[in-house]
């Protein structure tokens, strides 16, 4: 039984977003720490280059082509912490932001945990930039939790077993 390989549940994860120079932007570090209820967009795809070899009509040759990554979508219950909004405005170079556009890239970690809560797999995302921030839908008749959504573009990610 010691070598069981149970699948992970999708609700047991942690998210950390950290910025290199938070003091320059007047932000906390980490920007947010395990505050998300949803995380989607850990994906990588490669467009193969297909070649037809002269005289070889029964086979195609596939070469590695351009690689692309998805946008990470994060959803969380809205709170008083406005650091993600401040980070977004700093990235835009908004006049109300605390600093210019340089130095706004962040790193992120998503840790998948097993049934006992122990971290088992870590995704590390590099060169994260906020590309979309959506405020919670306001509707007085529903009485549900206010949820805001953020999308991050990332340069690449790695995955490692813990």
C-alpha atoms as a PDB file:
ATOM      1  CA  UNK A   1       0.000   0.000   0.000  1.00  0.00           C
ATOM      2  CA  UNK A   2       2.970   2.368   0.404  1.00  0.00           C
ATOM      3  CA  UNK A   3       3.278   2.793  -3.384  1.00  0.00           C
ATOM      4  CA  UNK A   4      -0.294   3.923  -4.031  1.00  0.00           C
ATOM      5  CA  UNK A   5      -0.637   6.502  -6.751  1.00  0.00           C
ATOM      6  CA  UNK A   6      -4.002   8.154  -6.019  1.00  0.00           C
ATOM      7  CA  UNK A   7      -5.179  10.972  -8.307  1.00  0.00           C
ATOM      8  CA  UNK A   8      -5.298  14.506  -6.909  1.00  0.00           C
ATOM      9  CA  UNK A   9      -8.545  16.289  -6.191  1.00  0.00           C
ATOM     10  CA  UNK A  10      -9.030  19.584  -8.009  1.00  0.00           C
ATOM     11  CA  UNK A  11     -10.127  21.517  -4.902  1.00  0.00           C
ATOM     12  CA  UNK A  12      -6.945  21.006  -2.868  1.00  0.00           C
ATOM     13  CA  UNK A  13      -4.443  23.580  -4.141  1.00  0.00           C
ATOM     14  CA  UNK A  14      -2.480  26.665  -3.103  1.00  0.00           C
ATOM     15  CA  UNK A  15      -1.607  29.730  -5.208  1.00  0.00           C
ATOM     16  CA  UNK A  16       1.197  32.188  -4.405  1.00  0.00           C
ATOM     17  CA  UNK A  17       1.996  35.278  -6.486  1.00  0.00           C
ATOM     18  CA  UNK A  18       5.184  37.187  -5.660  1.00  0.00           C
ATOM     19  CA  UNK A  19       6.756  40.222  -7.259  1.00  0.00           C
ATOM     20  CA  UNK A  20      10.500  40.912  -7.281  1.00  0.00           C
ATOM     21  CA  UNK A  21      10.459  44.538  -6.134  1.00  0.00           C
ATOM     22  CA  UNK A  22       7.208  45.088  -4.225  1.00  0.00           C
ATOM     23  CA  UNK A  23       8.601  48.088  -2.340  1.00  0.00           C
ATOM     24  CA  UNK A  24       9.071  49.989  -5.604  1.00  0.00           C
ATOM     25  CA  UNK A  25       5.350  49.548  -6.284  1.00  0.00           C
ATOM     26  CA  UNK A  26       4.111  49.976  -2.711  1.00  0.00           C
ATOM     27  CA  UNK A  27       2.751  46.400  -2.642  1.00  0.00           C
ATOM     28  CA  UNK A  28       2.890  43.505  -0.219  1.00  0.00           C
ATOM     29  CA  UNK A  29       4.972  40.427  -0.999  1.00  0.00           C
ATOM     30  CA  UNK A  30       3.507  38.002  -1.767  1.00  0.00           C
ATOM     31  CA  UNK A  31       0.795  39.887  -3.653  1.00  0.00           C
ATOM     32  CA  UNK A  32      -1.614  37.168  -2.646  1.00  0.00           C
ATOM     33  CA  UNK A  33      -1.235  33.890  -0.880  1.00  0.00           C
ATOM     34  CA  UNK A  34      -3.736  31.018  -1.270  1.00  0.00           C
ATOM     35  CA  UNK A  35      -6.747  33.280  -1.682  1.00  0.00           C
ATOM     36  CA  UNK A  36      -8.237  31.683  -4.782  1.00  0.00           C
ATOM     37  CA  UNK A  37     -11.204  29.379  -5.194  1.00  0.00           C
ATOM     38  CA  UNK A  38     -10.551  28.628  -8.884  1.00  0.00           C
ATOM     39  CA  UNK A  39      -7.421  28.300 -10.985  1.00  0.00           C
ATOM     40  CA  UNK A  40      -7.487  27.456 -14.693  1.00  0.00           C
ATOM     41  CA  UNK A  41      -5.173  27.852 -17.676  1.00  0.00           C
ATOM     42  CA  UNK A  42      -2.081  25.785 -16.938  1.00  0.00           C
ATOM     43  CA  UNK A  43      -1.558  24.720 -20.505  1.00  0.00           C
ATOM     44  CA  UNK A  44       1.143  24.465 -23.108  1.00  0.00           C
ATOM     45  CA  UNK A  45       0.740  23.654 -26.772  1.00  0.00           C
ATOM     46  CA  UNK A  46       3.123  23.219 -29.646  1.00  0.00           C
ATOM     47  CA  UNK A  47       2.355  23.753 -33.307  1.00  0.00           C
ATOM     48  CA  UNK A  48       4.341  21.106 -35.200  1.00  0.00           C
ATOM     49  CA  UNK A  49       5.957  21.953 -38.515  1.00  0.00           C
ATOM     50  CA  UNK A  50       4.997  19.294 -41.006  1.00  0.00           C
ATOM     51  CA  UNK A  51       7.294  18.516 -43.910  1.00  0.00           C
ATOM     52  CA  UNK A  52       6.677  16.426 -46.997  1.00  0.00           C
ATOM     53  CA  UNK A  53       9.821  14.610 -48.059  1.00  0.00           C
ATOM     54  CA  UNK A  54      10.243  14.309 -51.803  1.00  0.00           C
ATOM     55  CA  UNK A  55       9.666  10.756 -53.021  1.00  0.00           C
ATOM     56  CA  UNK A  56       8.270   9.643 -49.629  1.00  0.00           C
ATOM     57  CA  UNK A  57       4.519   9.729 -50.227  1.00  0.00           C
ATOM     58  CA  UNK A  58       3.556   7.472 -47.295  1.00  0.00           C
ATOM     59  CA  UNK A  59       4.937   9.496 -44.402  1.00  0.00           C
ATOM     60  CA  UNK A  60       5.076  13.019 -42.992  1.00  0.00           C
ATOM     61  CA  UNK A  61       7.932  14.451 -40.984  1.00  0.00           C
ATOM     62  CA  UNK A  62       6.963  16.452 -37.890  1.00  0.00           C
ATOM     63  CA  UNK A  63       9.355  18.957 -36.335  1.00  0.00           C
ATOM     64  CA  UNK A  64       8.959  20.971 -33.168  1.00  0.00           C
ATOM     65  CA  UNK A  65       7.339  24.319 -33.936  1.00  0.00           C
ATOM     66  CA  UNK A  66       6.273  27.374 -31.983  1.00  0.00           C
ATOM     67  CA  UNK A  67       5.199  26.874 -28.362  1.00  0.00           C
ATOM     68  CA  UNK A  68       2.369  28.835 -26.769  1.00  0.00           C
ATOM     69  CA  UNK A  69       0.982  29.042 -23.253  1.00  0.00           C
ATOM     70  CA  UNK A  70      -2.516  29.804 -22.042  1.00  0.00           C
ATOM     71  CA  UNK A  71      -3.536  32.592 -19.698  1.00  0.00           C
ATOM     72  CA  UNK A  72      -3.937  31.656 -16.062  1.00  0.00           C
ATOM     73  CA  UNK A  73      -7.423  32.537 -14.792  1.00  0.00           C
ATOM     74  CA  UNK A  74      -7.813  33.003 -11.051  1.00  0.00           C
ATOM     75  CA  UNK A  75     -11.046  33.634  -9.155  1.00  0.00           C
ATOM     76  CA  UNK A  76     -11.362  34.656  -5.541  1.00  0.00           C
ATOM     77  CA  UNK A  77     -13.794  36.117  -3.097  1.00  0.00           C
ATOM     78  CA  UNK A  78     -13.447  39.894  -3.094  1.00  0.00           C
ATOM     79  CA  UNK A  79     -11.869  41.391   0.015  1.00  0.00           C
ATOM     80  CA  UNK A  80     -10.363  44.676   1.206  1.00  0.00           C
ATOM     81  CA  UNK A  81      -6.924  43.697  -0.105  1.00  0.00           C
ATOM     82  CA  UNK A  82      -6.439  45.747  -3.280  1.00  0.00           C
ATOM     83  CA  UNK A  83      -2.861  44.686  -4.115  1.00  0.00           C
ATOM     84  CA  UNK A  84      -3.861  42.820  -7.290  1.00  0.00           C
ATOM     85  CA  UNK A  85      -5.631  45.962  -8.551  1.00  0.00           C
ATOM     86  CA  UNK A  86      -2.612  48.113  -7.665  1.00  0.00           C
ATOM     87  CA  UNK A  87      -0.341  45.661  -9.475  1.00  0.00           C
ATOM     88  CA  UNK A  88      -2.557  45.826 -12.577  1.00  0.00           C
ATOM     89  CA  UNK A  89      -2.516  49.624 -12.555  1.00  0.00           C
ATOM     90  CA  UNK A  90       1.274  49.658 -12.107  1.00  0.00           C
ATOM     91  CA  UNK A  91       1.630  47.340 -15.120  1.00  0.00           C
ATOM     92  CA  UNK A  92      -0.485  49.738 -17.191  1.00  0.00           C
ATOM     93  CA  UNK A  93       1.633  52.701 -16.160  1.00  0.00           C
ATOM     94  CA  UNK A  94      -1.574  54.288 -14.825  1.00  0.00           C
ATOM     95  CA  UNK A  95      -1.106  57.849 -13.521  1.00  0.00           C
ATOM     96  CA  UNK A  96      -2.474  56.796 -10.114  1.00  0.00           C
ATOM     97  CA  UNK A  97      -0.006  53.914  -9.820  1.00  0.00           C
ATOM     98  CA  UNK A  98       2.843  54.072  -7.343  1.00  0.00           C
ATOM     99  CA  UNK A  99       5.603  53.337  -9.868  1.00  0.00           C
ATOM    100  CA  UNK A 100       6.357  53.147 -13.590  1.00  0.00           C
ATOM    101  CA  UNK A 101       5.803  50.053 -15.689  1.00  0.00           C
ATOM    102  CA  UNK A 102       9.244  48.516 -15.219  1.00  0.00           C
ATOM    103  CA  UNK A 103       9.589  45.816 -12.573  1.00  0.00           C
ATOM    104  CA  UNK A 104       5.981  44.642 -12.636  1.00  0.00           C
ATOM    105  CA  UNK A 105       6.541  41.036 -13.721  1.00  0.00           C
ATOM    106  CA  UNK A 106       5.804  38.466 -11.038  1.00  0.00           C
ATOM    107  CA  UNK A 107       6.301  34.783 -10.386  1.00  0.00           C
ATOM    108  CA  UNK A 108       3.559  32.401  -9.344  1.00  0.00           C
ATOM    109  CA  UNK A 109       3.365  28.939  -7.808  1.00  0.00           C
ATOM    110  CA  UNK A 110       0.451  26.559  -7.842  1.00  0.00           C
ATOM    111  CA  UNK A 111       0.819  23.610  -5.481  1.00  0.00           C
ATOM    112  CA  UNK A 112      -1.424  20.554  -5.798  1.00  0.00           C
ATOM    113  CA  UNK A 113      -1.961  18.764  -2.497  1.00  0.00           C
ATOM    114  CA  UNK A 114      -2.920  15.178  -1.712  1.00  0.00           C
ATOM    115  CA  UNK A 115      -5.775  14.007   0.530  1.00  0.00           C
ATOM    116  CA  UNK A 116      -3.742  14.659   3.690  1.00  0.00           C
ATOM    117  CA  UNK A 117      -2.917  18.233   2.596  1.00  0.00           C
ATOM    118  CA  UNK A 118       0.728  17.559   1.732  1.00  0.00           C
ATOM    119  CA  UNK A 119       2.081  19.342  -1.360  1.00  0.00           C
ATOM    120  CA  UNK A 120       2.819  16.845  -4.131  1.00  0.00           C
ATOM    121  CA  UNK A 121       3.180  18.801  -7.375  1.00  0.00           C
ATOM    122  CA  UNK A 122       4.347  22.379  -7.949  1.00  0.00           C
ATOM    123  CA  UNK A 123       3.813  24.463 -11.067  1.00  0.00           C
ATOM    124  CA  UNK A 124       6.149  27.470 -11.249  1.00  0.00           C
ATOM    125  CA  UNK A 125       5.061  30.243 -13.589  1.00  0.00           C
ATOM    126  CA  UNK A 126       7.588  32.821 -14.757  1.00  0.00           C
ATOM    127  CA  UNK A 127       7.257  36.373 -16.085  1.00  0.00           C
ATOM    128  CA  UNK A 128       3.614  36.761 -15.076  1.00  0.00           C
ATOM    129  CA  UNK A 129       1.845  39.911 -16.205  1.00  0.00           C
ATOM    130  CA  UNK A 130      -1.754  40.806 -15.305  1.00  0.00           C
ATOM    131  CA  UNK A 131      -3.806  41.076 -18.510  1.00  0.00           C
ATOM    132  CA  UNK A 132      -7.385  41.133 -17.227  1.00  0.00           C
ATOM    133  CA  UNK A 133      -9.031  42.031 -13.944  1.00  0.00           C
ATOM    134  CA  UNK A 134     -12.780  41.741 -13.532  1.00  0.00           C
ATOM    135  CA  UNK A 135     -14.682  43.126 -10.567  1.00  0.00           C
ATOM    136  CA  UNK A 136     -17.375  41.078  -8.885  1.00  0.00           C
ATOM    137  CA  UNK A 137     -20.839  41.124 -10.374  1.00  0.00           C
ATOM    138  CA  UNK A 138     -23.059  43.241  -8.162  1.00  0.00           C
ATOM    139  CA  UNK A 139     -26.593  41.940  -7.787  1.00  0.00           C
ATOM    140  CA  UNK A 140     -28.631  42.677  -4.666  1.00  0.00           C
ATOM    141  CA  UNK A 141     -31.157  39.879  -5.228  1.00  0.00           C
ATOM    142  CA  UNK A 142     -28.701  36.958  -5.253  1.00  0.00           C
ATOM    143  CA  UNK A 143     -26.958  37.272  -1.884  1.00  0.00           C
ATOM    144  CA  UNK A 144     -23.933  35.275  -3.074  1.00  0.00           C
ATOM    145  CA  UNK A 145     -20.237  35.813  -2.423  1.00  0.00           C
ATOM    146  CA  UNK A 146     -18.652  38.607  -4.486  1.00  0.00           C
ATOM    147  CA  UNK A 147     -16.047  36.962  -6.751  1.00  0.00           C
ATOM    148  CA  UNK A 148     -13.410  38.830  -8.742  1.00  0.00           C
ATOM    149  CA  UNK A 149     -11.448  37.332 -11.612  1.00  0.00           C
ATOM    150  CA  UNK A 150      -7.895  37.922 -12.791  1.00  0.00           C
ATOM    151  CA  UNK A 151      -6.037  36.633 -15.834  1.00  0.00           C
ATOM    152  CA  UNK A 152      -2.254  36.409 -15.998  1.00  0.00           C
ATOM    153  CA  UNK A 153      -0.155  35.942 -19.099  1.00  0.00           C
ATOM    154  CA  UNK A 154       3.005  33.978 -18.336  1.00  0.00           C
ATOM    155  CA  UNK A 155       6.200  33.401 -20.262  1.00  0.00           C
ATOM    156  CA  UNK A 156       6.552  29.724 -19.400  1.00  0.00           C
ATOM    157  CA  UNK A 157       6.063  27.259 -16.563  1.00  0.00           C
ATOM    158  CA  UNK A 158       7.769  24.252 -15.073  1.00  0.00           C
ATOM    159  CA  UNK A 159       6.321  21.347 -13.152  1.00  0.00           C
ATOM    160  CA  UNK A 160       8.036  19.364 -10.402  1.00  0.00           C
ATOM    161  CA  UNK A 161       7.143  16.616  -7.967  1.00  0.00           C
ATOM    162  CA  UNK A 162       7.486  17.519  -4.291  1.00  0.00           C
END
